[in-house]
Amino acid sequence: MKTSLTLNPQVDHYLAEGCGRCALGGTPQCKVHPWREALEHLRNIVLACGLTEEVKWGVPCYTLNNKNVLMISALKEYCAISFLKGALLKDTEGILSKPGENSQAARLIRFTQVRDIKKQAPLIKAYIKEAMAIEQANLKIDFKAKTELVYPEELEQVFKKNAAFKKAFQALTPGRQRGYILYFNGAKQSATRSSRIQKYIPAILQGKGFHD
């Protein structure tokens, strides 16, 4: 595959100013700021593998034939490369971890030192190449059955009022449904759950998943 080193200016902005989702963007307090050098190294490694650089959900996202393969991002205590179908990777070196307790698909490689990224560059590339092969083969995550999902009461109420929305939600793939349910249920307050549901009604009606 032809190597691509095309830099997306939106990612340049992310590295300089952060994701812009909070008031700390562009300040030394932004969580991206202390990890900028590390993220730049990860960026170069990813681009050398031939993926296309975009920005989705406020962070650098790398695609293959318009399909999301991985993201790089910064958190308070580490930066990471996140494989969206990481559960399918063999992980022969045992370096992957789940981003959350309920994560079925995504897996992370966490970094706290630039030197570790440099040292593991060949290994990181091998994982990226495997992730690309998985996407090229159109392999799917075997998500848990829809029956295992617990629909929040707020969603059930919207179903009763909006039959078209209910039909659209039930037409989503099990993975997309699960993504939404986990996100909706992740809010502790009923008002927040309702707000999240209302926000994503247009996307669901269009058949889009939470990460599309």
N, C-alpha and C. Protein backbone atom coordinates (compact mmCIF):
# COMPACT_ATOMS: atom_id res chain seq x y z
N MET A 1 0.85 -1.20 0.00
CA MET A 1 0.00 0.00 0.00
C MET A 1 0.88 1.24 0.00
N LYS A 2 0.45 2.22 -0.76
CA LYS A 2 1.21 3.46 -0.85
C LYS A 2 1.19 4.21 0.46
N THR A 3 2.34 4.65 0.92
CA THR A 3 2.44 5.39 2.17
C THR A 3 1.93 6.82 1.99
N SER A 4 1.13 7.28 2.99
CA SER A 4 0.59 8.63 2.94
C SER A 4 1.12 9.43 4.11
N LEU A 5 1.66 10.62 3.81
CA LEU A 5 2.10 11.52 4.86
C LEU A 5 1.38 12.86 4.72
N THR A 6 0.15 12.81 4.23
CA THR A 6 -0.65 14.01 4.06
C THR A 6 -1.16 14.46 5.42
N LEU A 7 -0.75 15.66 5.82
CA LEU A 7 -1.13 16.18 7.12
C LEU A 7 -2.43 16.97 7.01
N ASN A 8 -3.35 16.67 7.90
CA ASN A 8 -4.62 17.38 7.94
C ASN A 8 -4.47 18.61 8.85
N PRO A 9 -4.73 19.82 8.37
CA PRO A 9 -4.58 21.02 9.20
C PRO A 9 -5.47 21.02 10.43
N GLN A 10 -6.57 20.26 10.40
CA GLN A 10 -7.43 20.16 11.58
C GLN A 10 -6.70 19.46 12.72
N VAL A 11 -5.85 18.50 12.37
CA VAL A 11 -5.07 17.82 13.40
C VAL A 11 -3.99 18.74 13.93
N ASP A 12 -3.41 19.55 13.05
CA ASP A 12 -2.44 20.55 13.51
C ASP A 12 -3.10 21.46 14.56
N HIS A 13 -4.33 21.85 14.29
CA HIS A 13 -5.06 22.71 15.24
C HIS A 13 -5.32 21.98 16.55
N TYR A 14 -5.68 20.69 16.47
CA TYR A 14 -5.90 19.89 17.68
C TYR A 14 -4.63 19.84 18.52
N LEU A 15 -3.50 19.61 17.90
CA LEU A 15 -2.25 19.51 18.63
C LEU A 15 -1.85 20.86 19.25
N ALA A 16 -2.22 21.93 18.60
CA ALA A 16 -1.85 23.26 19.09
C ALA A 16 -2.83 23.80 20.12
N GLU A 17 -4.12 23.52 19.90
CA GLU A 17 -5.16 24.14 20.73
C GLU A 17 -6.01 23.17 21.54
N GLY A 18 -5.94 21.88 21.24
CA GLY A 18 -6.81 20.93 21.92
C GLY A 18 -8.08 20.69 21.13
N CYS A 19 -8.99 19.91 21.71
CA CYS A 19 -10.20 19.52 20.99
C CYS A 19 -11.24 20.63 20.95
N GLY A 20 -11.10 21.62 21.83
CA GLY A 20 -12.04 22.74 21.83
C GLY A 20 -13.37 22.45 22.50
N ARG A 21 -13.46 21.32 23.20
CA ARG A 21 -14.73 20.97 23.82
C ARG A 21 -14.89 21.52 25.23
N CYS A 22 -13.87 22.23 25.71
CA CYS A 22 -13.99 22.87 27.02
C CYS A 22 -13.24 24.19 27.00
N ALA A 23 -13.41 24.97 28.06
CA ALA A 23 -12.82 26.31 28.12
C ALA A 23 -11.30 26.29 28.25
N LEU A 24 -10.71 25.11 28.48
CA LEU A 24 -9.26 25.03 28.65
C LEU A 24 -8.50 24.95 27.33
N GLY A 25 -9.23 24.83 26.22
CA GLY A 25 -8.60 24.76 24.91
C GLY A 25 -7.69 25.95 24.65
N GLY A 26 -6.50 25.68 24.14
CA GLY A 26 -5.56 26.74 23.83
C GLY A 26 -4.78 27.26 25.02
N THR A 27 -4.96 26.64 26.18
CA THR A 27 -4.24 27.05 27.39
C THR A 27 -3.31 25.92 27.83
N PRO A 28 -2.31 26.24 28.70
CA PRO A 28 -1.42 25.19 29.21
C PRO A 28 -2.16 24.12 30.01
N GLN A 29 -3.38 24.43 30.46
CA GLN A 29 -4.15 23.48 31.25
C GLN A 29 -4.88 22.45 30.38
N CYS A 30 -4.94 22.69 29.08
CA CYS A 30 -5.60 21.74 28.18
C CYS A 30 -4.88 20.39 28.27
N LYS A 31 -5.64 19.30 28.33
CA LYS A 31 -5.03 17.98 28.51
C LYS A 31 -4.17 17.57 27.33
N VAL A 32 -4.38 18.20 26.16
CA VAL A 32 -3.55 17.87 24.99
C VAL A 32 -2.15 18.45 25.14
N HIS A 33 -2.05 19.59 25.81
CA HIS A 33 -0.80 20.34 25.88
C HIS A 33 0.41 19.51 26.33
N PRO A 34 0.35 18.81 27.48
CA PRO A 34 1.54 18.07 27.93
C PRO A 34 1.88 16.85 27.08
N TRP A 35 0.94 16.44 26.21
CA TRP A 35 1.17 15.24 25.42
C TRP A 35 1.43 15.54 23.95
N ARG A 36 1.65 16.81 23.63
CA ARG A 36 1.77 17.18 22.22
C ARG A 36 2.91 16.44 21.52
N GLU A 37 4.08 16.39 22.11
CA GLU A 37 5.22 15.71 21.47
C GLU A 37 4.92 14.23 21.26
N ALA A 38 4.33 13.60 22.27
CA ALA A 38 4.01 12.19 22.16
C ALA A 38 2.97 11.94 21.06
N LEU A 39 1.97 12.81 21.00
CA LEU A 39 0.94 12.67 19.98
C LEU A 39 1.51 12.88 18.58
N GLU A 40 2.46 13.78 18.44
CA GLU A 40 3.09 14.00 17.14
C GLU A 40 3.85 12.76 16.68
N HIS A 41 4.51 12.09 17.62
CA HIS A 41 5.21 10.85 17.28
C HIS A 41 4.21 9.78 16.85
N LEU A 42 3.11 9.65 17.58
CA LEU A 42 2.10 8.67 17.21
C LEU A 42 1.51 9.00 15.84
N ARG A 43 1.28 10.29 15.61
CA ARG A 43 0.73 10.73 14.33
C ARG A 43 1.63 10.30 13.17
N ASN A 44 2.92 10.52 13.31
CA ASN A 44 3.85 10.16 12.25
C ASN A 44 3.89 8.66 12.00
N ILE A 45 3.80 7.89 13.08
CA ILE A 45 3.80 6.43 12.94
C ILE A 45 2.56 5.97 12.19
N VAL A 46 1.41 6.53 12.56
CA VAL A 46 0.15 6.14 11.91
C VAL A 46 0.16 6.52 10.44
N LEU A 47 0.55 7.76 10.14
CA LEU A 47 0.55 8.21 8.75
C LEU A 47 1.51 7.40 7.87
N ALA A 48 2.60 6.95 8.46
CA ALA A 48 3.57 6.15 7.71
C ALA A 48 2.98 4.80 7.28
N CYS A 49 1.88 4.41 7.92
CA CYS A 49 1.24 3.14 7.58
C CYS A 49 0.23 3.30 6.44
N GLY A 50 -0.04 4.55 6.04
CA GLY A 50 -0.90 4.77 4.87
C GLY A 50 -2.34 5.08 5.16
N LEU A 51 -2.69 5.41 6.40
CA LEU A 51 -4.07 5.75 6.73
C LEU A 51 -4.35 7.22 6.41
N THR A 52 -5.62 7.55 6.23
CA THR A 52 -6.04 8.91 5.94
C THR A 52 -6.37 9.63 7.24
N GLU A 53 -5.87 10.84 7.37
CA GLU A 53 -6.01 11.60 8.61
C GLU A 53 -7.24 12.51 8.57
N GLU A 54 -8.09 12.36 9.57
CA GLU A 54 -9.28 13.19 9.70
C GLU A 54 -9.42 13.60 11.17
N VAL A 55 -10.45 14.40 11.46
CA VAL A 55 -10.80 14.71 12.84
C VAL A 55 -12.26 14.35 13.04
N LYS A 56 -12.53 13.49 14.01
CA LYS A 56 -13.89 13.10 14.35
C LYS A 56 -14.03 13.10 15.87
N TRP A 57 -15.19 13.54 16.33
CA TRP A 57 -15.44 13.63 17.77
C TRP A 57 -14.39 14.49 18.46
N GLY A 58 -13.81 15.43 17.70
CA GLY A 58 -12.86 16.37 18.27
C GLY A 58 -11.44 15.88 18.36
N VAL A 59 -11.15 14.66 17.92
CA VAL A 59 -9.80 14.11 18.02
C VAL A 59 -9.35 13.55 16.68
N PRO A 60 -8.03 13.38 16.48
CA PRO A 60 -7.53 12.79 15.23
C PRO A 60 -8.03 11.36 15.04
N CYS A 61 -8.61 11.12 13.89
CA CYS A 61 -9.15 9.80 13.55
C CYS A 61 -8.55 9.38 12.22
N TYR A 62 -8.18 8.12 12.10
CA TYR A 62 -7.50 7.63 10.91
C TYR A 62 -8.33 6.55 10.23
N THR A 63 -8.53 6.73 8.93
CA THR A 63 -9.47 5.89 8.20
C THR A 63 -8.80 5.15 7.05
N LEU A 64 -9.47 4.09 6.63
CA LEU A 64 -9.05 3.30 5.48
C LEU A 64 -10.28 3.07 4.62
N ASN A 65 -10.27 3.60 3.41
CA ASN A 65 -11.44 3.50 2.53
C ASN A 65 -12.70 4.01 3.22
N ASN A 66 -12.53 5.15 3.90
CA ASN A 66 -13.63 5.82 4.60
C ASN A 66 -14.15 5.06 5.81
N LYS A 67 -13.43 4.06 6.27
CA LYS A 67 -13.81 3.32 7.47
C LYS A 67 -12.86 3.69 8.61
N ASN A 68 -13.41 3.95 9.78
CA ASN A 68 -12.60 4.34 10.94
C ASN A 68 -11.79 3.15 11.43
N VAL A 69 -10.48 3.35 11.56
CA VAL A 69 -9.59 2.28 12.03
C VAL A 69 -9.07 2.56 13.44
N LEU A 70 -8.59 3.80 13.66
CA LEU A 70 -8.03 4.12 14.97
C LEU A 70 -8.07 5.62 15.22
N MET A 71 -7.83 5.99 16.47
CA MET A 71 -7.75 7.39 16.87
C MET A 71 -6.54 7.57 17.78
N ILE A 72 -6.03 8.79 17.84
CA ILE A 72 -5.05 9.13 18.87
C ILE A 72 -5.64 10.24 19.71
N SER A 73 -5.37 10.22 20.99
CA SER A 73 -5.99 11.21 21.87
C SER A 73 -5.18 11.36 23.15
N ALA A 74 -5.50 12.42 23.88
CA ALA A 74 -4.82 12.70 25.15
C ALA A 74 -5.82 12.69 26.28
N LEU A 75 -5.43 12.07 27.36
CA LEU A 75 -6.19 12.13 28.59
C LEU A 75 -5.29 12.76 29.66
N LYS A 76 -5.82 12.91 30.83
CA LYS A 76 -5.06 13.61 31.86
C LYS A 76 -3.77 12.89 32.22
N GLU A 77 -3.82 11.58 32.34
CA GLU A 77 -2.68 10.83 32.84
C GLU A 77 -1.90 10.10 31.76
N TYR A 78 -2.38 10.11 30.53
CA TYR A 78 -1.67 9.43 29.46
C TYR A 78 -2.22 9.86 28.11
N CYS A 79 -1.50 9.53 27.05
CA CYS A 79 -2.03 9.66 25.70
C CYS A 79 -2.17 8.24 25.16
N ALA A 80 -2.91 8.10 24.08
CA ALA A 80 -3.20 6.73 23.65
C ALA A 80 -3.47 6.66 22.16
N ILE A 81 -3.28 5.47 21.64
CA ILE A 81 -3.76 5.12 20.31
C ILE A 81 -4.87 4.11 20.53
N SER A 82 -6.03 4.38 19.95
CA SER A 82 -7.21 3.56 20.19
C SER A 82 -7.65 2.87 18.91
N PHE A 83 -7.70 1.56 18.93
CA PHE A 83 -8.15 0.77 17.78
C PHE A 83 -9.64 0.49 17.93
N LEU A 84 -10.43 0.93 16.95
CA LEU A 84 -11.88 0.82 17.07
C LEU A 84 -12.37 -0.63 17.02
N LYS A 85 -11.61 -1.52 16.39
CA LYS A 85 -11.92 -2.95 16.41
C LYS A 85 -10.79 -3.70 17.11
N GLY A 86 -10.27 -3.07 18.15
CA GLY A 86 -9.12 -3.64 18.85
C GLY A 86 -9.34 -5.01 19.44
N ALA A 87 -10.59 -5.36 19.73
CA ALA A 87 -10.88 -6.67 20.30
C ALA A 87 -10.52 -7.80 19.33
N LEU A 88 -10.42 -7.47 18.04
CA LEU A 88 -10.09 -8.48 17.04
C LEU A 88 -8.58 -8.63 16.86
N LEU A 89 -7.80 -7.71 17.42
CA LEU A 89 -6.35 -7.82 17.31
C LEU A 89 -5.83 -8.98 18.16
N LYS A 90 -4.80 -9.63 17.69
CA LYS A 90 -4.25 -10.78 18.42
C LYS A 90 -3.58 -10.37 19.72
N ASP A 91 -3.02 -9.17 19.76
CA ASP A 91 -2.34 -8.62 20.94
C ASP A 91 -1.32 -9.61 21.50
N THR A 92 -0.42 -10.02 20.65
CA THR A 92 0.59 -11.00 21.05
C THR A 92 1.50 -10.49 22.16
N GLU A 93 1.64 -9.16 22.27
CA GLU A 93 2.54 -8.59 23.28
C GLU A 93 1.80 -8.17 24.55
N GLY A 94 0.49 -8.33 24.56
CA GLY A 94 -0.30 -7.99 25.75
C GLY A 94 -0.26 -6.52 26.12
N ILE A 95 -0.29 -5.64 25.12
CA ILE A 95 -0.18 -4.20 25.41
C ILE A 95 -1.51 -3.46 25.29
N LEU A 96 -2.57 -4.16 24.91
CA LEU A 96 -3.86 -3.51 24.74
C LEU A 96 -4.68 -3.55 26.03
N SER A 97 -5.51 -2.54 26.22
CA SER A 97 -6.40 -2.51 27.37
C SER A 97 -7.74 -1.93 26.95
N LYS A 98 -8.77 -2.20 27.72
CA LYS A 98 -10.09 -1.66 27.43
C LYS A 98 -10.17 -0.21 27.88
N PRO A 99 -10.81 0.66 27.09
CA PRO A 99 -10.99 2.04 27.54
C PRO A 99 -12.00 2.18 28.66
N GLY A 100 -12.89 1.20 28.78
CA GLY A 100 -13.89 1.23 29.84
C GLY A 100 -14.38 -0.16 30.15
N GLU A 101 -15.03 -0.33 31.27
CA GLU A 101 -15.46 -1.65 31.73
C GLU A 101 -16.38 -2.34 30.72
N ASN A 102 -17.24 -1.56 30.06
CA ASN A 102 -18.21 -2.13 29.14
C ASN A 102 -17.76 -2.17 27.69
N SER A 103 -16.51 -1.81 27.44
CA SER A 103 -16.02 -1.77 26.06
C SER A 103 -15.92 -3.17 25.48
N GLN A 104 -16.54 -3.37 24.34
CA GLN A 104 -16.46 -4.66 23.66
C GLN A 104 -15.54 -4.62 22.45
N ALA A 105 -15.47 -3.48 21.79
CA ALA A 105 -14.73 -3.40 20.54
C ALA A 105 -13.39 -2.68 20.67
N ALA A 106 -13.39 -1.48 21.21
CA ALA A 106 -12.19 -0.65 21.24
C ALA A 106 -11.14 -1.17 22.23
N ARG A 107 -9.88 -0.97 21.85
CA ARG A 107 -8.76 -1.29 22.73
C ARG A 107 -7.71 -0.19 22.59
N LEU A 108 -7.02 0.10 23.70
CA LEU A 108 -6.04 1.17 23.74
C LEU A 108 -4.63 0.65 23.95
N ILE A 109 -3.67 1.43 23.44
CA ILE A 109 -2.29 1.31 23.89
C ILE A 109 -1.99 2.64 24.57
N ARG A 110 -1.71 2.60 25.87
CA ARG A 110 -1.46 3.82 26.64
C ARG A 110 0.03 4.14 26.67
N PHE A 111 0.33 5.43 26.65
CA PHE A 111 1.72 5.88 26.72
C PHE A 111 1.85 7.03 27.71
N THR A 112 2.96 7.02 28.46
CA THR A 112 3.25 8.12 29.38
C THR A 112 4.62 8.73 29.11
N GLN A 113 5.38 8.12 28.20
CA GLN A 113 6.72 8.61 27.88
C GLN A 113 6.94 8.57 26.37
N VAL A 114 7.52 9.64 25.83
CA VAL A 114 7.84 9.68 24.40
C VAL A 114 8.83 8.57 24.05
N ARG A 115 9.76 8.31 24.95
CA ARG A 115 10.77 7.30 24.65
C ARG A 115 10.14 5.92 24.44
N ASP A 116 9.02 5.65 25.12
CA ASP A 116 8.36 4.36 24.94
C ASP A 116 7.74 4.26 23.55
N ILE A 117 7.23 5.38 23.04
CA ILE A 117 6.67 5.40 21.69
C ILE A 117 7.77 5.14 20.66
N LYS A 118 8.89 5.80 20.84
CA LYS A 118 10.01 5.62 19.92
C LYS A 118 10.50 4.17 19.95
N LYS A 119 10.62 3.62 21.15
CA LYS A 119 11.12 2.26 21.31
C LYS A 119 10.17 1.24 20.69
N GLN A 120 8.86 1.49 20.83
CA GLN A 120 7.87 0.52 20.38
C GLN A 120 7.33 0.82 18.98
N ALA A 121 7.94 1.76 18.29
CA ALA A 121 7.43 2.15 16.96
C ALA A 121 7.20 0.96 16.02
N PRO A 122 8.15 0.04 15.88
CA PRO A 122 7.91 -1.12 14.99
C PRO A 122 6.72 -1.96 15.45
N LEU A 123 6.58 -2.13 16.76
CA LEU A 123 5.46 -2.91 17.29
C LEU A 123 4.13 -2.20 17.06
N ILE A 124 4.13 -0.88 17.27
CA ILE A 124 2.91 -0.10 17.03
C ILE A 124 2.48 -0.22 15.57
N LYS A 125 3.46 -0.13 14.67
CA LYS A 125 3.15 -0.25 13.24
C LYS A 125 2.58 -1.63 12.92
N ALA A 126 3.10 -2.65 13.56
CA ALA A 126 2.60 -4.00 13.33
C ALA A 126 1.14 -4.12 13.75
N TYR A 127 0.81 -3.50 14.88
CA TYR A 127 -0.59 -3.52 15.34
C TYR A 127 -1.48 -2.73 14.38
N ILE A 128 -0.98 -1.61 13.88
CA ILE A 128 -1.75 -0.80 12.94
C ILE A 128 -2.00 -1.59 11.65
N LYS A 129 -0.97 -2.24 11.15
CA LYS A 129 -1.11 -3.02 9.93
C LYS A 129 -2.13 -4.15 10.12
N GLU A 130 -2.12 -4.76 11.29
CA GLU A 130 -3.10 -5.81 11.57
C GLU A 130 -4.51 -5.23 11.60
N ALA A 131 -4.65 -4.04 12.21
CA ALA A 131 -5.95 -3.37 12.27
C ALA A 131 -6.44 -3.03 10.86
N MET A 132 -5.53 -2.61 10.00
CA MET A 132 -5.89 -2.31 8.61
C MET A 132 -6.34 -3.58 7.88
N ALA A 133 -5.66 -4.67 8.12
CA ALA A 133 -6.02 -5.94 7.49
C ALA A 133 -7.40 -6.39 7.94
N ILE A 134 -7.70 -6.17 9.21
CA ILE A 134 -9.01 -6.51 9.75
C ILE A 134 -10.10 -5.70 9.05
N GLU A 135 -9.83 -4.41 8.82
CA GLU A 135 -10.82 -3.57 8.14
C GLU A 135 -10.96 -3.96 6.68
N GLN A 136 -9.85 -4.27 6.04
CA GLN A 136 -9.90 -4.68 4.63
C GLN A 136 -10.68 -5.98 4.46
N ALA A 137 -10.58 -6.85 5.45
CA ALA A 137 -11.31 -8.12 5.41
C ALA A 137 -12.77 -7.96 5.86
N ASN A 138 -13.13 -6.73 6.26
CA ASN A 138 -14.49 -6.42 6.70
C ASN A 138 -14.94 -7.31 7.87
N LEU A 139 -14.01 -7.59 8.78
CA LEU A 139 -14.36 -8.40 9.94
C LEU A 139 -15.20 -7.58 10.91
N LYS A 140 -16.10 -8.26 11.61
CA LYS A 140 -17.03 -7.60 12.52
C LYS A 140 -16.83 -8.06 13.96
N ILE A 141 -17.13 -7.15 14.87
CA ILE A 141 -17.12 -7.50 16.29
C ILE A 141 -18.36 -8.30 16.62
N ASP A 142 -18.21 -9.38 17.38
CA ASP A 142 -19.35 -10.18 17.80
C ASP A 142 -19.92 -9.58 19.09
N PHE A 143 -20.78 -8.58 18.91
CA PHE A 143 -21.36 -7.91 20.07
C PHE A 143 -22.34 -8.83 20.79
N LYS A 144 -22.53 -8.54 22.06
CA LYS A 144 -23.52 -9.28 22.83
C LYS A 144 -24.90 -9.04 22.26
N ALA A 145 -25.78 -9.96 22.48
CA ALA A 145 -27.13 -9.88 21.93
C ALA A 145 -27.87 -8.65 22.43
N LYS A 146 -28.74 -8.14 21.59
CA LYS A 146 -29.54 -6.96 21.93
C LYS A 146 -30.34 -7.20 23.20
N THR A 147 -30.76 -8.46 23.44
CA THR A 147 -31.58 -8.75 24.60
C THR A 147 -30.85 -8.47 25.91
N GLU A 148 -29.54 -8.36 25.86
CA GLU A 148 -28.78 -8.09 27.08
C GLU A 148 -28.75 -6.60 27.42
N LEU A 149 -29.22 -5.77 26.50
CA LEU A 149 -29.22 -4.34 26.74
C LEU A 149 -30.38 -3.94 27.65
N VAL A 150 -30.09 -3.01 28.54
CA VAL A 150 -31.13 -2.48 29.42
C VAL A 150 -31.47 -1.08 28.94
N TYR A 151 -32.64 -0.94 28.34
CA TYR A 151 -33.05 0.36 27.82
C TYR A 151 -33.42 1.29 28.96
N PRO A 152 -32.90 2.51 28.95
CA PRO A 152 -33.29 3.46 30.00
C PRO A 152 -34.76 3.85 29.83
N GLU A 153 -35.40 4.16 30.94
CA GLU A 153 -36.82 4.51 30.92
C GLU A 153 -37.08 5.70 30.00
N GLU A 154 -36.13 6.64 29.99
CA GLU A 154 -36.29 7.84 29.16
C GLU A 154 -36.37 7.48 27.67
N LEU A 155 -35.62 6.46 27.26
CA LEU A 155 -35.66 6.02 25.87
C LEU A 155 -37.00 5.34 25.56
N GLU A 156 -37.47 4.55 26.49
CA GLU A 156 -38.76 3.89 26.31
C GLU A 156 -39.88 4.91 26.15
N GLN A 157 -39.79 6.01 26.89
CA GLN A 157 -40.80 7.05 26.79
C GLN A 157 -40.79 7.70 25.41
N VAL A 158 -39.59 7.91 24.86
CA VAL A 158 -39.49 8.49 23.52
C VAL A 158 -40.04 7.51 22.48
N PHE A 159 -39.79 6.22 22.68
CA PHE A 159 -40.33 5.20 21.79
C PHE A 159 -41.86 5.29 21.72
N LYS A 160 -42.48 5.49 22.87
CA LYS A 160 -43.95 5.54 22.93
C LYS A 160 -44.50 6.75 22.18
N LYS A 161 -43.74 7.85 22.19
CA LYS A 161 -44.21 9.09 21.57
C LYS A 161 -43.82 9.18 20.09
N ASN A 162 -42.79 8.43 19.69
CA ASN A 162 -42.25 8.58 18.34
C ASN A 162 -42.01 7.19 17.73
N ALA A 163 -43.01 6.69 17.02
CA ALA A 163 -42.93 5.35 16.45
C ALA A 163 -41.83 5.25 15.38
N ALA A 164 -41.65 6.34 14.62
CA ALA A 164 -40.62 6.33 13.57
C ALA A 164 -39.23 6.22 14.19
N PHE A 165 -39.03 6.90 15.30
CA PHE A 165 -37.75 6.84 15.99
C PHE A 165 -37.51 5.43 16.54
N LYS A 166 -38.53 4.83 17.13
CA LYS A 166 -38.39 3.47 17.66
C LYS A 166 -38.02 2.50 16.55
N LYS A 167 -38.69 2.63 15.41
CA LYS A 167 -38.40 1.74 14.28
C LYS A 167 -36.97 1.93 13.80
N ALA A 168 -36.52 3.20 13.73
CA ALA A 168 -35.17 3.49 13.27
C ALA A 168 -34.13 2.94 14.24
N PHE A 169 -34.39 3.06 15.53
CA PHE A 169 -33.45 2.56 16.53
C PHE A 169 -33.34 1.03 16.44
N GLN A 170 -34.47 0.37 16.30
CA GLN A 170 -34.47 -1.09 16.25
C GLN A 170 -33.87 -1.62 14.94
N ALA A 171 -33.78 -0.74 13.94
CA ALA A 171 -33.18 -1.14 12.66
C ALA A 171 -31.67 -1.02 12.69
N LEU A 172 -31.12 -0.35 13.72
CA LEU A 172 -29.67 -0.23 13.83
C LEU A 172 -29.05 -1.59 14.10
N THR A 173 -27.78 -1.74 13.75
CA THR A 173 -27.08 -2.97 14.07
C THR A 173 -26.98 -3.11 15.59
N PRO A 174 -26.84 -4.32 16.10
CA PRO A 174 -26.71 -4.52 17.55
C PRO A 174 -25.57 -3.70 18.15
N GLY A 175 -24.46 -3.58 17.41
CA GLY A 175 -23.34 -2.80 17.91
C GLY A 175 -23.68 -1.34 18.06
N ARG A 176 -24.38 -0.78 17.07
CA ARG A 176 -24.77 0.63 17.14
C ARG A 176 -25.77 0.85 18.28
N GLN A 177 -26.71 -0.07 18.42
CA GLN A 177 -27.68 0.04 19.51
C GLN A 177 -26.96 0.03 20.86
N ARG A 178 -26.04 -0.88 20.99
CA ARG A 178 -25.32 -1.00 22.26
C ARG A 178 -24.53 0.27 22.56
N GLY A 179 -23.90 0.84 21.52
CA GLY A 179 -23.15 2.07 21.73
C GLY A 179 -24.02 3.18 22.29
N TYR A 180 -25.19 3.32 21.72
CA TYR A 180 -26.11 4.35 22.21
C TYR A 180 -26.59 4.06 23.62
N ILE A 181 -26.98 2.81 23.88
CA ILE A 181 -27.51 2.46 25.20
C ILE A 181 -26.47 2.70 26.29
N LEU A 182 -25.24 2.31 26.03
CA LEU A 182 -24.19 2.53 27.01
C LEU A 182 -23.98 4.02 27.26
N TYR A 183 -24.05 4.81 26.19
CA TYR A 183 -23.88 6.26 26.33
C TYR A 183 -25.05 6.86 27.10
N PHE A 184 -26.26 6.49 26.75
CA PHE A 184 -27.43 7.02 27.45
C PHE A 184 -27.41 6.62 28.93
N ASN A 185 -27.13 5.36 29.20
CA ASN A 185 -27.13 4.87 30.58
C ASN A 185 -25.95 5.39 31.38
N GLY A 186 -24.96 5.93 30.69
CA GLY A 186 -23.79 6.46 31.39
C GLY A 186 -24.07 7.73 32.16
N ALA A 187 -25.20 8.36 31.89
CA ALA A 187 -25.58 9.58 32.62
C ALA A 187 -26.32 9.22 33.90
N LYS A 188 -25.92 9.81 35.00
CA LYS A 188 -26.54 9.49 36.29
C LYS A 188 -27.90 10.14 36.48
N GLN A 189 -28.07 11.32 35.89
CA GLN A 189 -29.31 12.06 36.07
C GLN A 189 -30.28 11.79 34.91
N SER A 190 -31.57 11.68 35.24
CA SER A 190 -32.59 11.44 34.23
C SER A 190 -32.60 12.55 33.18
N ALA A 191 -32.45 13.78 33.63
CA ALA A 191 -32.47 14.91 32.69
C ALA A 191 -31.33 14.82 31.69
N THR A 192 -30.17 14.36 32.16
CA THR A 192 -29.02 14.22 31.27
C THR A 192 -29.25 13.10 30.27
N ARG A 193 -29.85 12.00 30.73
CA ARG A 193 -30.16 10.90 29.82
C ARG A 193 -31.13 11.36 28.73
N SER A 194 -32.14 12.12 29.13
CA SER A 194 -33.12 12.64 28.17
C SER A 194 -32.46 13.57 27.18
N SER A 195 -31.56 14.41 27.66
CA SER A 195 -30.86 15.35 26.79
C SER A 195 -30.00 14.62 25.77
N ARG A 196 -29.32 13.57 26.22
CA ARG A 196 -28.48 12.80 25.31
C ARG A 196 -29.33 12.13 24.23
N ILE A 197 -30.47 11.60 24.63
CA ILE A 197 -31.36 10.93 23.67
C ILE A 197 -31.85 11.92 22.61
N GLN A 198 -32.30 13.08 23.08
CA GLN A 198 -32.81 14.09 22.15
C GLN A 198 -31.73 14.54 21.17
N LYS A 199 -30.52 14.65 21.65
CA LYS A 199 -29.41 15.10 20.80
C LYS A 199 -29.16 14.15 19.64
N TYR A 200 -29.32 12.84 19.88
CA TYR A 200 -28.97 11.86 18.87
C TYR A 200 -30.15 11.32 18.07
N ILE A 201 -31.34 11.84 18.30
CA ILE A 201 -32.50 11.41 17.52
C ILE A 201 -32.27 11.60 16.02
N PRO A 202 -31.79 12.78 15.57
CA PRO A 202 -31.57 12.96 14.13
C PRO A 202 -30.61 11.93 13.53
N ALA A 203 -29.52 11.64 14.24
CA ALA A 203 -28.55 10.66 13.73
C ALA A 203 -29.15 9.27 13.66
N ILE A 204 -29.92 8.91 14.68
CA ILE A 204 -30.55 7.57 14.69
C ILE A 204 -31.56 7.45 13.57
N LEU A 205 -32.33 8.49 13.32
CA LEU A 205 -33.30 8.47 12.23
C LEU A 205 -32.61 8.30 10.88
N GLN A 206 -31.35 8.71 10.80
CA GLN A 206 -30.57 8.55 9.57
C GLN A 206 -29.82 7.22 9.52
N GLY A 207 -30.02 6.40 10.55
CA GLY A 207 -29.36 5.10 10.57
C GLY A 207 -27.90 5.14 10.98
N LYS A 208 -27.49 6.24 11.62
CA LYS A 208 -26.09 6.40 12.00
C LYS A 208 -25.84 5.88 13.42
N GLY A 209 -24.65 5.36 13.64
CA GLY A 209 -24.25 4.92 14.97
C GLY A 209 -23.64 6.06 15.76
N PHE A 210 -23.38 5.82 17.04
CA PHE A 210 -22.83 6.83 17.93
C PHE A 210 -21.48 7.32 17.46
N HIS A 211 -20.69 6.46 16.80
CA HIS A 211 -19.35 6.83 16.35
C HIS A 211 -19.27 7.11 14.85
N ASP A 212 -20.40 7.20 14.17
CA ASP A 212 -20.39 7.46 12.72
C ASP A 212 -20.23 8.95 12.44
